[in-house]
Amino acid sequence: MGTKVLNICGERYGRLVAIKRVSSRKQSTFWLFKCDCGAQKEISLTSVRRGHSKSCGCLNIDSLQGRAVHGMRKLSSYTVWQSMKERCYNKNYKSYMHYGGRGISVCDRWRNSFVNFFEDMGDRPNDKSLDRIDNDGNYEPSNCRWTSKKVQRQNQRGIKLYPFENELLTIAEIARRSGVTYENLFYRISQRKCDPEYAVKLLREGKWRRA
């Protein structure tokens, strides 16, 4: 009688879940596994059952990034990165109302990885702070730079507020509240000098779009 083939379909090993047996090579049985990160990989059954393989390889990368972050905590940009997220997601943070409270967020690439943030922005230069080029925009590589406090104040003074529903709001805030696209609303208010409430009314009705 032949040797009974071990069926591990559906079993989990670390981040790996067995999908199907695929082949035998050099006296080793290989299975196709799906990793929690979404990747699929053929791995030796022996390697998995002995605990030598616990992921498609992403576990090692995450471990390296974790050690890298631990060694980078003393960098000034690490404190900036933490404060950026606090402003956007911690409702108890002193400045939340000016950031997360009005819809400002951090891009996925930065929110969960200081390594990515550091790769894009580098360490904070002396006497500089993180600034959003468009004050209505989010924290993301294309909208951020290191600038002096003087430039930041000039940038902030350039914010325009418009009357809408008995409040003074930015165009981005009006667009989020009313459910219309920022681009069309910006064009009608800023370029065509249209009253915000009238512009929103027409855009909601599908009329008077730029595109």
N, C-alpha and C. Protein backbone atom coordinates (compact mmCIF):
# COMPACT_ATOMS: atom_id res chain seq x y z
N MET A 1 0.83 -1.20 0.00
CA MET A 1 0.00 0.00 0.00
C MET A 1 0.87 1.25 0.00
N GLY A 2 0.42 2.31 -0.71
CA GLY A 2 1.19 3.55 -0.79
C GLY A 2 1.07 4.36 0.50
N THR A 3 2.00 5.25 0.63
CA THR A 3 2.00 6.12 1.81
C THR A 3 0.84 7.12 1.73
N LYS A 4 0.12 7.26 2.81
CA LYS A 4 -1.01 8.18 2.84
C LYS A 4 -0.52 9.63 2.75
N VAL A 5 -1.14 10.39 1.84
CA VAL A 5 -0.75 11.79 1.64
C VAL A 5 -1.41 12.66 2.71
N LEU A 6 -0.59 13.43 3.40
CA LEU A 6 -1.11 14.30 4.46
C LEU A 6 -1.88 15.45 3.84
N ASN A 7 -3.09 15.66 4.31
CA ASN A 7 -3.93 16.75 3.80
C ASN A 7 -3.99 17.86 4.84
N ILE A 8 -3.38 19.00 4.52
CA ILE A 8 -3.37 20.13 5.46
C ILE A 8 -4.20 21.31 4.92
N CYS A 9 -4.99 21.05 3.91
CA CYS A 9 -5.77 22.12 3.27
C CYS A 9 -6.57 22.91 4.32
N GLY A 10 -6.40 24.24 4.32
CA GLY A 10 -7.12 25.09 5.24
C GLY A 10 -6.41 25.32 6.56
N GLU A 11 -5.34 24.58 6.81
CA GLU A 11 -4.62 24.75 8.08
C GLU A 11 -3.73 25.99 8.02
N ARG A 12 -3.55 26.61 9.18
CA ARG A 12 -2.75 27.84 9.27
C ARG A 12 -1.40 27.57 9.94
N TYR A 13 -0.38 28.18 9.37
CA TYR A 13 0.98 28.13 9.91
C TYR A 13 1.53 29.55 9.91
N GLY A 14 1.49 30.20 11.06
CA GLY A 14 1.90 31.60 11.12
C GLY A 14 0.96 32.46 10.29
N ARG A 15 1.51 33.13 9.27
CA ARG A 15 0.68 33.95 8.39
C ARG A 15 0.18 33.17 7.18
N LEU A 16 0.54 31.90 7.09
CA LEU A 16 0.24 31.10 5.91
C LEU A 16 -0.96 30.19 6.12
N VAL A 17 -1.80 30.09 5.09
CA VAL A 17 -2.93 29.16 5.08
C VAL A 17 -2.77 28.26 3.86
N ALA A 18 -2.81 26.94 4.08
CA ALA A 18 -2.62 25.98 3.00
C ALA A 18 -3.81 25.98 2.05
N ILE A 19 -3.51 26.03 0.75
CA ILE A 19 -4.56 26.03 -0.27
C ILE A 19 -4.68 24.67 -0.95
N LYS A 20 -3.54 24.20 -1.50
CA LYS A 20 -3.57 22.90 -2.18
C LYS A 20 -2.15 22.36 -2.35
N ARG A 21 -2.08 21.04 -2.46
CA ARG A 21 -0.80 20.38 -2.73
C ARG A 21 -0.46 20.57 -4.20
N VAL A 22 0.77 20.93 -4.50
CA VAL A 22 1.11 21.24 -5.89
C VAL A 22 2.11 20.28 -6.51
N SER A 23 3.11 19.81 -5.74
CA SER A 23 4.12 18.95 -6.36
C SER A 23 5.02 18.32 -5.31
N SER A 24 5.85 17.39 -5.78
CA SER A 24 6.89 16.79 -4.95
C SER A 24 8.21 17.00 -5.65
N ARG A 25 9.19 17.53 -4.92
CA ARG A 25 10.49 17.81 -5.50
C ARG A 25 11.58 17.37 -4.53
N LYS A 26 12.51 16.54 -5.03
CA LYS A 26 13.64 16.11 -4.21
C LYS A 26 13.18 15.58 -2.85
N GLN A 27 12.22 14.68 -2.88
CA GLN A 27 11.69 14.02 -1.69
C GLN A 27 10.97 14.98 -0.74
N SER A 28 10.60 16.16 -1.25
CA SER A 28 9.84 17.13 -0.44
C SER A 28 8.50 17.41 -1.10
N THR A 29 7.49 17.53 -0.29
CA THR A 29 6.16 17.86 -0.80
C THR A 29 5.94 19.36 -0.69
N PHE A 30 5.47 19.96 -1.77
CA PHE A 30 5.23 21.40 -1.79
C PHE A 30 3.74 21.69 -1.85
N TRP A 31 3.35 22.69 -1.07
CA TRP A 31 1.96 23.15 -1.05
C TRP A 31 1.92 24.62 -1.47
N LEU A 32 0.78 25.00 -2.01
CA LEU A 32 0.54 26.41 -2.31
C LEU A 32 -0.12 27.03 -1.08
N PHE A 33 0.50 28.09 -0.56
CA PHE A 33 -0.02 28.78 0.61
C PHE A 33 -0.42 30.20 0.26
N LYS A 34 -1.44 30.68 0.95
CA LYS A 34 -1.82 32.08 0.83
C LYS A 34 -1.41 32.79 2.10
N CYS A 35 -0.65 33.88 1.93
CA CYS A 35 -0.17 34.65 3.08
C CYS A 35 -1.22 35.70 3.47
N ASP A 36 -1.18 36.13 4.72
CA ASP A 36 -2.12 37.15 5.19
C ASP A 36 -1.97 38.45 4.42
N CYS A 37 -0.80 38.69 3.82
CA CYS A 37 -0.59 39.92 3.06
C CYS A 37 -1.26 39.85 1.68
N GLY A 38 -1.76 38.65 1.32
CA GLY A 38 -2.43 38.48 0.03
C GLY A 38 -1.62 37.71 -1.00
N ALA A 39 -0.33 37.56 -0.78
CA ALA A 39 0.54 36.86 -1.73
C ALA A 39 0.36 35.35 -1.61
N GLN A 40 0.62 34.64 -2.71
CA GLN A 40 0.58 33.18 -2.72
C GLN A 40 1.98 32.65 -3.06
N LYS A 41 2.36 31.54 -2.42
CA LYS A 41 3.71 31.03 -2.64
C LYS A 41 3.73 29.53 -2.40
N GLU A 42 4.51 28.83 -3.24
CA GLU A 42 4.72 27.39 -3.07
C GLU A 42 5.87 27.18 -2.08
N ILE A 43 5.59 26.42 -1.01
CA ILE A 43 6.59 26.23 0.05
C ILE A 43 6.61 24.77 0.45
N SER A 44 7.78 24.31 0.83
CA SER A 44 7.94 22.93 1.28
C SER A 44 7.11 22.68 2.54
N LEU A 45 6.39 21.55 2.55
CA LEU A 45 5.57 21.21 3.71
C LEU A 45 6.44 21.03 4.95
N THR A 46 7.60 20.44 4.77
CA THR A 46 8.52 20.23 5.90
C THR A 46 8.95 21.56 6.50
N SER A 47 9.27 22.52 5.65
CA SER A 47 9.70 23.84 6.12
C SER A 47 8.62 24.52 6.93
N VAL A 48 7.38 24.37 6.48
CA VAL A 48 6.27 25.02 7.17
C VAL A 48 5.97 24.34 8.50
N ARG A 49 5.93 23.02 8.50
CA ARG A 49 5.57 22.28 9.71
C ARG A 49 6.65 22.37 10.79
N ARG A 50 7.88 22.60 10.38
CA ARG A 50 8.96 22.76 11.36
C ARG A 50 9.11 24.21 11.83
N GLY A 51 8.31 25.09 11.28
CA GLY A 51 8.32 26.49 11.71
C GLY A 51 9.38 27.33 11.05
N HIS A 52 10.04 26.79 10.01
CA HIS A 52 11.06 27.56 9.31
C HIS A 52 10.45 28.63 8.40
N SER A 53 9.25 28.35 7.89
CA SER A 53 8.55 29.31 7.02
C SER A 53 7.23 29.68 7.68
N LYS A 54 7.06 30.96 7.99
CA LYS A 54 5.84 31.43 8.65
C LYS A 54 5.09 32.47 7.82
N SER A 55 5.67 32.85 6.68
CA SER A 55 5.03 33.83 5.79
C SER A 55 5.63 33.69 4.41
N CYS A 56 5.16 34.50 3.48
CA CYS A 56 5.71 34.49 2.13
C CYS A 56 7.07 35.17 2.07
N GLY A 57 7.45 35.77 3.18
CA GLY A 57 8.68 36.57 3.25
C GLY A 57 8.42 37.94 3.84
N CYS A 58 7.14 38.33 3.90
CA CYS A 58 6.79 39.66 4.41
C CYS A 58 7.07 39.80 5.89
N LEU A 59 7.07 38.68 6.62
CA LEU A 59 7.34 38.74 8.06
C LEU A 59 8.76 39.24 8.31
N ASN A 60 9.71 38.78 7.49
CA ASN A 60 11.09 39.24 7.64
C ASN A 60 11.20 40.72 7.33
N ILE A 61 10.47 41.17 6.29
CA ILE A 61 10.50 42.58 5.91
C ILE A 61 9.92 43.44 7.03
N ASP A 62 8.79 43.00 7.60
CA ASP A 62 8.17 43.75 8.69
C ASP A 62 9.09 43.81 9.89
N SER A 63 9.80 42.71 10.16
CA SER A 63 10.72 42.68 11.28
C SER A 63 11.87 43.67 11.08
N LEU A 64 12.38 43.71 9.85
CA LEU A 64 13.45 44.65 9.54
C LEU A 64 12.98 46.09 9.68
N GLN A 65 11.75 46.35 9.19
CA GLN A 65 11.20 47.70 9.31
C GLN A 65 10.98 48.07 10.77
N GLY A 66 10.54 47.08 11.56
CA GLY A 66 10.33 47.34 12.97
C GLY A 66 11.62 47.72 13.67
N ARG A 67 12.69 47.00 13.35
CA ARG A 67 13.99 47.32 13.95
C ARG A 67 14.49 48.66 13.45
N ALA A 68 14.20 48.95 12.18
CA ALA A 68 14.63 50.23 11.62
C ALA A 68 13.93 51.38 12.33
N VAL A 69 12.62 51.22 12.55
CA VAL A 69 11.86 52.27 13.21
C VAL A 69 12.35 52.46 14.64
N HIS A 70 12.63 51.35 15.32
CA HIS A 70 13.10 51.45 16.71
C HIS A 70 14.39 52.26 16.78
N GLY A 71 15.25 52.08 15.79
CA GLY A 71 16.51 52.81 15.78
C GLY A 71 16.38 54.24 15.29
N MET A 72 15.18 54.59 14.77
CA MET A 72 14.98 55.92 14.20
C MET A 72 14.11 56.81 15.10
N ARG A 73 13.74 56.30 16.26
CA ARG A 73 12.83 57.05 17.13
C ARG A 73 13.41 58.37 17.62
N LYS A 74 14.75 58.47 17.63
CA LYS A 74 15.38 59.69 18.11
C LYS A 74 15.44 60.78 17.04
N LEU A 75 15.09 60.43 15.79
CA LEU A 75 15.10 61.43 14.72
C LEU A 75 13.97 62.43 14.94
N SER A 76 14.22 63.68 14.61
CA SER A 76 13.19 64.71 14.81
C SER A 76 11.98 64.47 13.93
N SER A 77 12.18 63.86 12.77
CA SER A 77 11.05 63.61 11.87
C SER A 77 10.11 62.55 12.44
N TYR A 78 10.60 61.70 13.36
CA TYR A 78 9.73 60.70 13.98
C TYR A 78 8.67 61.38 14.85
N THR A 79 9.09 62.40 15.60
CA THR A 79 8.15 63.17 16.41
C THR A 79 7.14 63.89 15.52
N VAL A 80 7.63 64.43 14.39
CA VAL A 80 6.75 65.11 13.43
C VAL A 80 5.71 64.14 12.90
N TRP A 81 6.15 62.93 12.57
CA TRP A 81 5.26 61.89 12.03
C TRP A 81 4.16 61.53 13.04
N GLN A 82 4.54 61.39 14.30
CA GLN A 82 3.55 61.07 15.33
C GLN A 82 2.55 62.21 15.50
N SER A 83 3.05 63.44 15.55
CA SER A 83 2.17 64.60 15.73
C SER A 83 1.21 64.76 14.55
N MET A 84 1.70 64.49 13.34
CA MET A 84 0.86 64.56 12.15
C MET A 84 -0.35 63.64 12.29
N LYS A 85 -0.14 62.43 12.75
CA LYS A 85 -1.24 61.48 12.91
C LYS A 85 -2.17 61.88 14.05
N GLU A 86 -1.58 62.41 15.13
CA GLU A 86 -2.40 62.85 16.25
C GLU A 86 -3.37 63.95 15.82
N ARG A 87 -2.88 64.91 15.04
CA ARG A 87 -3.71 66.02 14.58
C ARG A 87 -4.90 65.54 13.75
N CYS A 88 -4.69 64.44 13.03
CA CYS A 88 -5.72 63.97 12.11
C CYS A 88 -6.67 62.94 12.70
N TYR A 89 -6.23 62.19 13.74
CA TYR A 89 -7.05 61.07 14.20
C TYR A 89 -7.35 61.04 15.69
N ASN A 90 -6.68 61.86 16.47
CA ASN A 90 -6.95 61.88 17.91
C ASN A 90 -7.87 63.06 18.24
N LYS A 91 -9.12 62.76 18.52
CA LYS A 91 -10.11 63.81 18.77
C LYS A 91 -9.81 64.61 20.03
N ASN A 92 -8.96 64.08 20.89
CA ASN A 92 -8.59 64.79 22.12
C ASN A 92 -7.36 65.66 21.93
N TYR A 93 -6.76 65.60 20.77
CA TYR A 93 -5.56 66.40 20.50
C TYR A 93 -5.95 67.87 20.35
N LYS A 94 -5.11 68.76 20.85
CA LYS A 94 -5.46 70.18 20.92
C LYS A 94 -5.77 70.80 19.56
N SER A 95 -5.12 70.31 18.48
CA SER A 95 -5.32 70.91 17.16
C SER A 95 -6.23 70.08 16.25
N TYR A 96 -6.88 69.06 16.81
CA TYR A 96 -7.68 68.15 15.98
C TYR A 96 -8.74 68.88 15.16
N MET A 97 -9.38 69.87 15.74
CA MET A 97 -10.48 70.56 15.06
C MET A 97 -10.02 71.26 13.77
N HIS A 98 -8.74 71.60 13.69
CA HIS A 98 -8.22 72.29 12.51
C HIS A 98 -7.69 71.31 11.46
N TYR A 99 -7.65 70.02 11.80
CA TYR A 99 -7.10 69.02 10.89
C TYR A 99 -8.12 67.90 10.67
N GLY A 100 -8.06 66.86 11.51
CA GLY A 100 -9.02 65.77 11.36
C GLY A 100 -10.46 66.24 11.46
N GLY A 101 -10.68 67.26 12.29
CA GLY A 101 -12.03 67.78 12.47
C GLY A 101 -12.62 68.41 11.23
N ARG A 102 -11.77 68.80 10.28
CA ARG A 102 -12.30 69.35 9.03
C ARG A 102 -11.93 68.49 7.82
N GLY A 103 -11.66 67.19 8.10
CA GLY A 103 -11.51 66.23 7.02
C GLY A 103 -10.11 65.97 6.52
N ILE A 104 -9.09 66.58 7.16
CA ILE A 104 -7.71 66.35 6.72
C ILE A 104 -7.25 64.97 7.21
N SER A 105 -6.62 64.19 6.35
CA SER A 105 -6.18 62.85 6.71
C SER A 105 -4.74 62.62 6.26
N VAL A 106 -4.20 61.47 6.63
CA VAL A 106 -2.84 61.07 6.25
C VAL A 106 -2.95 59.94 5.23
N CYS A 107 -2.20 60.01 4.16
CA CYS A 107 -2.27 58.98 3.12
C CYS A 107 -1.89 57.62 3.70
N ASP A 108 -2.37 56.54 3.08
CA ASP A 108 -2.12 55.19 3.58
C ASP A 108 -0.62 54.87 3.63
N ARG A 109 0.13 55.39 2.67
CA ARG A 109 1.57 55.09 2.63
C ARG A 109 2.27 55.59 3.89
N TRP A 110 1.83 56.71 4.42
CA TRP A 110 2.48 57.31 5.59
C TRP A 110 1.84 56.90 6.90
N ARG A 111 0.55 56.72 6.91
CA ARG A 111 -0.15 56.54 8.19
C ARG A 111 0.37 55.33 8.97
N ASN A 112 0.68 54.25 8.27
CA ASN A 112 1.08 53.03 8.96
C ASN A 112 2.56 52.72 8.86
N SER A 113 3.36 53.65 8.33
CA SER A 113 4.78 53.35 8.17
C SER A 113 5.63 54.61 8.28
N PHE A 114 6.37 54.71 9.37
CA PHE A 114 7.32 55.82 9.48
C PHE A 114 8.45 55.67 8.47
N VAL A 115 8.82 54.43 8.15
CA VAL A 115 9.88 54.19 7.18
C VAL A 115 9.51 54.83 5.84
N ASN A 116 8.26 54.65 5.41
CA ASN A 116 7.81 55.26 4.16
C ASN A 116 7.85 56.78 4.24
N PHE A 117 7.40 57.32 5.36
CA PHE A 117 7.42 58.76 5.55
C PHE A 117 8.85 59.29 5.46
N PHE A 118 9.77 58.59 6.12
CA PHE A 118 11.16 59.03 6.12
C PHE A 118 11.78 58.92 4.72
N GLU A 119 11.42 57.87 3.98
CA GLU A 119 11.93 57.71 2.62
C GLU A 119 11.50 58.88 1.73
N ASP A 120 10.28 59.36 1.94
CA ASP A 120 9.73 60.42 1.09
C ASP A 120 10.19 61.81 1.53
N MET A 121 10.32 62.04 2.84
CA MET A 121 10.56 63.38 3.35
C MET A 121 11.96 63.57 3.95
N GLY A 122 12.61 62.47 4.33
CA GLY A 122 13.91 62.61 4.99
C GLY A 122 13.74 63.15 6.40
N ASP A 123 14.85 63.43 7.08
CA ASP A 123 14.76 63.97 8.43
C ASP A 123 14.45 65.47 8.37
N ARG A 124 13.85 65.98 9.42
CA ARG A 124 13.45 67.38 9.45
C ARG A 124 14.69 68.28 9.50
N PRO A 125 14.83 69.19 8.54
CA PRO A 125 15.96 70.13 8.57
C PRO A 125 15.82 71.07 9.77
N ASN A 126 16.94 71.64 10.21
CA ASN A 126 16.91 72.58 11.33
C ASN A 126 16.01 73.77 11.03
N ASP A 127 15.22 74.16 12.03
CA ASP A 127 14.35 75.33 11.94
C ASP A 127 13.28 75.20 10.87
N LYS A 128 12.95 73.98 10.49
CA LYS A 128 11.89 73.76 9.50
C LYS A 128 10.80 72.87 10.10
N SER A 129 9.61 72.96 9.56
CA SER A 129 8.51 72.12 10.02
C SER A 129 7.72 71.61 8.82
N LEU A 130 6.90 70.59 9.05
CA LEU A 130 6.13 69.98 7.98
C LEU A 130 4.97 70.88 7.58
N ASP A 131 4.87 71.13 6.29
CA ASP A 131 3.85 72.06 5.79
C ASP A 131 3.10 71.44 4.63
N ARG A 132 1.78 71.62 4.62
CA ARG A 132 0.98 71.20 3.47
C ARG A 132 0.88 72.35 2.48
N ILE A 133 1.24 72.11 1.25
CA ILE A 133 1.23 73.15 0.22
C ILE A 133 -0.19 73.67 0.02
N ASP A 134 -1.13 72.74 -0.09
CA ASP A 134 -2.55 73.10 -0.15
C ASP A 134 -3.14 72.85 1.23
N ASN A 135 -3.52 73.91 1.92
CA ASN A 135 -4.03 73.76 3.29
C ASN A 135 -5.34 73.00 3.37
N ASP A 136 -6.00 72.82 2.23
CA ASP A 136 -7.22 72.01 2.21
C ASP A 136 -6.92 70.57 1.85
N GLY A 137 -5.66 70.28 1.51
CA GLY A 137 -5.27 68.94 1.09
C GLY A 137 -4.80 68.08 2.24
N ASN A 138 -4.57 66.82 1.96
CA ASN A 138 -4.16 65.85 2.97
C ASN A 138 -2.64 65.79 3.12
N TYR A 139 -2.21 65.04 4.11
CA TYR A 139 -0.79 64.78 4.27
C TYR A 139 -0.39 63.64 3.33
N GLU A 140 0.33 63.96 2.29
CA GLU A 140 0.78 62.99 1.31
C GLU A 140 2.01 63.56 0.60
N PRO A 141 2.83 62.72 -0.03
CA PRO A 141 4.09 63.19 -0.62
C PRO A 141 3.96 64.39 -1.55
N SER A 142 2.93 64.40 -2.38
CA SER A 142 2.79 65.48 -3.37
C SER A 142 2.32 66.80 -2.76
N ASN A 143 1.90 66.77 -1.48
CA ASN A 143 1.34 67.98 -0.88
C ASN A 143 2.11 68.43 0.36
N CYS A 144 3.29 67.86 0.59
CA CYS A 144 4.03 68.20 1.81
C CYS A 144 5.46 68.63 1.50
N ARG A 145 5.99 69.47 2.38
CA ARG A 145 7.35 69.97 2.25
C ARG A 145 7.84 70.42 3.62
N TRP A 146 9.15 70.59 3.75
CA TRP A 146 9.73 71.19 4.96
C TRP A 146 9.89 72.69 4.70
N THR A 147 9.30 73.51 5.54
CA THR A 147 9.39 74.96 5.35
C THR A 147 9.62 75.66 6.68
N SER A 148 9.99 76.93 6.58
CA SER A 148 10.17 77.74 7.78
C SER A 148 8.81 78.16 8.32
N LYS A 149 8.78 78.58 9.57
CA LYS A 149 7.53 79.03 10.17
C LYS A 149 6.98 80.26 9.45
N LYS A 150 7.88 81.09 8.93
CA LYS A 150 7.45 82.28 8.21
C LYS A 150 6.66 81.90 6.97
N VAL A 151 7.17 80.93 6.20
CA VAL A 151 6.48 80.49 4.99
C VAL A 151 5.15 79.84 5.35
N GLN A 152 5.14 79.07 6.45
CA GLN A 152 3.90 78.44 6.88
C GLN A 152 2.84 79.48 7.22
N ARG A 153 3.24 80.54 7.93
CA ARG A 153 2.28 81.59 8.29
C ARG A 153 1.74 82.28 7.04
N GLN A 154 2.61 82.50 6.06
CA GLN A 154 2.16 83.11 4.81
C GLN A 154 1.18 82.20 4.09
N ASN A 155 1.47 80.92 4.12
CA ASN A 155 0.59 79.95 3.47
C ASN A 155 -0.77 79.90 4.15
N GLN A 156 -0.75 79.94 5.49
CA GLN A 156 -1.99 79.90 6.24
C GLN A 156 -2.82 81.16 6.04
N ARG A 157 -2.14 82.31 5.89
CA ARG A 157 -2.89 83.55 5.67
C ARG A 157 -3.59 83.55 4.32
N GLY A 158 -3.13 82.67 3.43
CA GLY A 158 -3.73 82.62 2.11
C GLY A 158 -5.02 81.81 2.05
N ILE A 159 -5.41 81.18 3.15
CA ILE A 159 -6.63 80.38 3.17
C ILE A 159 -7.84 81.30 3.04
N LYS A 160 -8.72 80.98 2.10
CA LYS A 160 -9.93 81.77 1.90
C LYS A 160 -11.13 81.02 2.45
N LEU A 161 -11.97 81.74 3.16
CA LEU A 161 -13.20 81.19 3.72
C LEU A 161 -14.39 81.80 3.01
N TYR A 162 -15.40 80.97 2.78
CA TYR A 162 -16.58 81.43 2.05
C TYR A 162 -17.83 81.14 2.87
N PRO A 163 -18.83 82.01 2.82
CA PRO A 163 -20.07 81.78 3.57
C PRO A 163 -20.87 80.63 2.98
N PHE A 164 -21.23 79.68 3.83
CA PHE A 164 -22.02 78.54 3.37
C PHE A 164 -22.80 77.99 4.55
N GLU A 165 -24.13 77.99 4.42
CA GLU A 165 -25.02 77.50 5.47
C GLU A 165 -24.71 78.14 6.82
N ASN A 166 -24.59 79.45 6.80
CA ASN A 166 -24.38 80.25 8.01
C ASN A 166 -23.03 80.00 8.70
N GLU A 167 -22.05 79.49 7.92
CA GLU A 167 -20.70 79.30 8.45
C GLU A 167 -19.69 79.81 7.43
N LEU A 168 -18.45 80.01 7.89
CA LEU A 168 -17.36 80.35 6.99
C LEU A 168 -16.50 79.11 6.81
N LEU A 169 -16.45 78.58 5.57
CA LEU A 169 -15.77 77.33 5.29
C LEU A 169 -14.83 77.46 4.09
N THR A 170 -13.86 76.54 4.01
CA THR A 170 -13.02 76.49 2.82
C THR A 170 -13.78 75.77 1.71
N ILE A 171 -13.28 75.87 0.49
CA ILE A 171 -13.93 75.19 -0.63
C ILE A 171 -13.94 73.68 -0.40
N ALA A 172 -12.83 73.15 0.13
CA ALA A 172 -12.76 71.71 0.38
C ALA A 172 -13.81 71.28 1.40
N GLU A 173 -14.00 72.09 2.45
CA GLU A 173 -15.00 71.76 3.46
C GLU A 173 -16.41 71.82 2.88
N ILE A 174 -16.66 72.80 2.03
CA ILE A 174 -17.98 72.90 1.39
C ILE A 174 -18.23 71.70 0.49
N ALA A 175 -17.20 71.30 -0.26
CA ALA A 175 -17.34 70.15 -1.16
C ALA A 175 -17.63 68.87 -0.38
N ARG A 176 -16.91 68.65 0.73
CA ARG A 176 -17.14 67.45 1.54
C ARG A 176 -18.52 67.46 2.16
N ARG A 177 -18.95 68.62 2.64
CA ARG A 177 -20.25 68.69 3.30
C ARG A 177 -21.40 68.51 2.31
N SER A 178 -21.25 69.05 1.11
CA SER A 178 -22.34 69.04 0.15
C SER A 178 -22.32 67.84 -0.79
N GLY A 179 -21.19 67.12 -0.82
CA GLY A 179 -21.12 65.93 -1.65
C GLY A 179 -20.85 66.19 -3.12
N VAL A 180 -20.30 67.35 -3.46
CA VAL A 180 -19.95 67.64 -4.85
C VAL A 180 -18.43 67.55 -5.00
N THR A 181 -17.96 67.50 -6.24
CA THR A 181 -16.52 67.36 -6.46
C THR A 181 -15.80 68.67 -6.20
N TYR A 182 -14.62 68.54 -5.57
CA TYR A 182 -13.83 69.73 -5.23
C TYR A 182 -13.45 70.50 -6.49
N GLU A 183 -13.03 69.79 -7.56
CA GLU A 183 -12.55 70.45 -8.77
C GLU A 183 -13.61 71.35 -9.39
N ASN A 184 -14.83 70.81 -9.54
CA ASN A 184 -15.91 71.61 -10.14
C ASN A 184 -16.30 72.78 -9.25
N LEU A 185 -16.34 72.53 -7.94
CA LEU A 185 -16.73 73.60 -7.03
C LEU A 185 -15.67 74.69 -6.99
N PHE A 186 -14.40 74.30 -6.96
CA PHE A 186 -13.31 75.27 -6.96
C PHE A 186 -13.37 76.15 -8.21
N TYR A 187 -13.62 75.52 -9.34
CA TYR A 187 -13.67 76.27 -10.59
C TYR A 187 -14.79 77.31 -10.56
N ARG A 188 -15.96 76.91 -10.07
CA ARG A 188 -17.11 77.82 -10.07
C ARG A 188 -16.94 78.95 -9.05
N ILE A 189 -16.40 78.63 -7.89
CA ILE A 189 -16.26 79.65 -6.85
C ILE A 189 -15.05 80.54 -7.09
N SER A 190 -13.90 79.91 -7.35
CA SER A 190 -12.66 80.67 -7.47
C SER A 190 -12.49 81.33 -8.83
N GLN A 191 -12.82 80.62 -9.89
CA GLN A 191 -12.59 81.14 -11.23
C GLN A 191 -13.78 81.93 -11.77
N ARG A 192 -14.98 81.43 -11.50
CA ARG A 192 -16.18 82.11 -12.02
C ARG A 192 -16.84 83.02 -11.00
N LYS A 193 -16.29 83.09 -9.78
CA LYS A 193 -16.78 83.97 -8.72
C LYS A 193 -18.25 83.73 -8.41
N CYS A 194 -18.61 82.47 -8.42
CA CYS A 194 -20.01 82.10 -8.17
C CYS A 194 -20.27 82.00 -6.66
N ASP A 195 -21.48 82.35 -6.24
CA ASP A 195 -21.88 82.17 -4.85
C ASP A 195 -21.83 80.68 -4.49
N PRO A 196 -21.19 80.29 -3.39
CA PRO A 196 -21.01 78.88 -3.04
C PRO A 196 -22.31 78.08 -2.99
N GLU A 197 -23.35 78.63 -2.36
CA GLU A 197 -24.58 77.87 -2.22
C GLU A 197 -25.26 77.68 -3.58
N TYR A 198 -25.18 78.68 -4.44
CA TYR A 198 -25.76 78.56 -5.77
C TYR A 198 -24.97 77.57 -6.62
N ALA A 199 -23.65 77.60 -6.48
CA ALA A 199 -22.80 76.66 -7.22
C ALA A 199 -23.10 75.22 -6.80
N VAL A 200 -23.24 74.99 -5.49
CA VAL A 200 -23.56 73.66 -5.00
C VAL A 200 -24.91 73.20 -5.53
N LYS A 201 -25.88 74.08 -5.54
CA LYS A 201 -27.21 73.74 -6.03
C LYS A 201 -27.15 73.26 -7.47
N LEU A 202 -26.45 73.99 -8.32
CA LEU A 202 -26.36 73.62 -9.73
C LEU A 202 -25.59 72.32 -9.93
N LEU A 203 -24.51 72.14 -9.16
CA LEU A 203 -23.72 70.92 -9.30
C LEU A 203 -24.51 69.69 -8.83
N ARG A 204 -25.30 69.86 -7.80
CA ARG A 204 -26.14 68.75 -7.34
C ARG A 204 -27.18 68.37 -8.38
N GLU A 205 -27.62 69.35 -9.14
CA GLU A 205 -28.60 69.10 -10.19
C GLU A 205 -27.96 68.59 -11.49
N GLY A 206 -26.64 68.48 -11.46
CA GLY A 206 -25.95 67.98 -12.64
C GLY A 206 -25.77 69.04 -13.72
N LYS A 207 -25.92 70.29 -13.36
CA LYS A 207 -25.80 71.36 -14.33
C LYS A 207 -24.48 72.14 -14.11
N TRP A 208 -24.07 72.80 -15.16
CA TRP A 208 -23.00 73.79 -15.04
C TRP A 208 -21.69 73.16 -14.57
N ARG A 209 -21.37 72.00 -15.08
CA ARG A 209 -20.11 71.36 -14.75
C ARG A 209 -19.03 71.80 -15.73
N ARG A 210 -17.81 71.89 -15.23
CA ARG A 210 -16.71 72.32 -16.08
C ARG A 210 -16.34 71.21 -17.06
N ALA A 211 -16.28 69.95 -16.53
CA ALA A 211 -15.85 68.82 -17.37
C ALA A 211 -17.02 68.28 -18.18
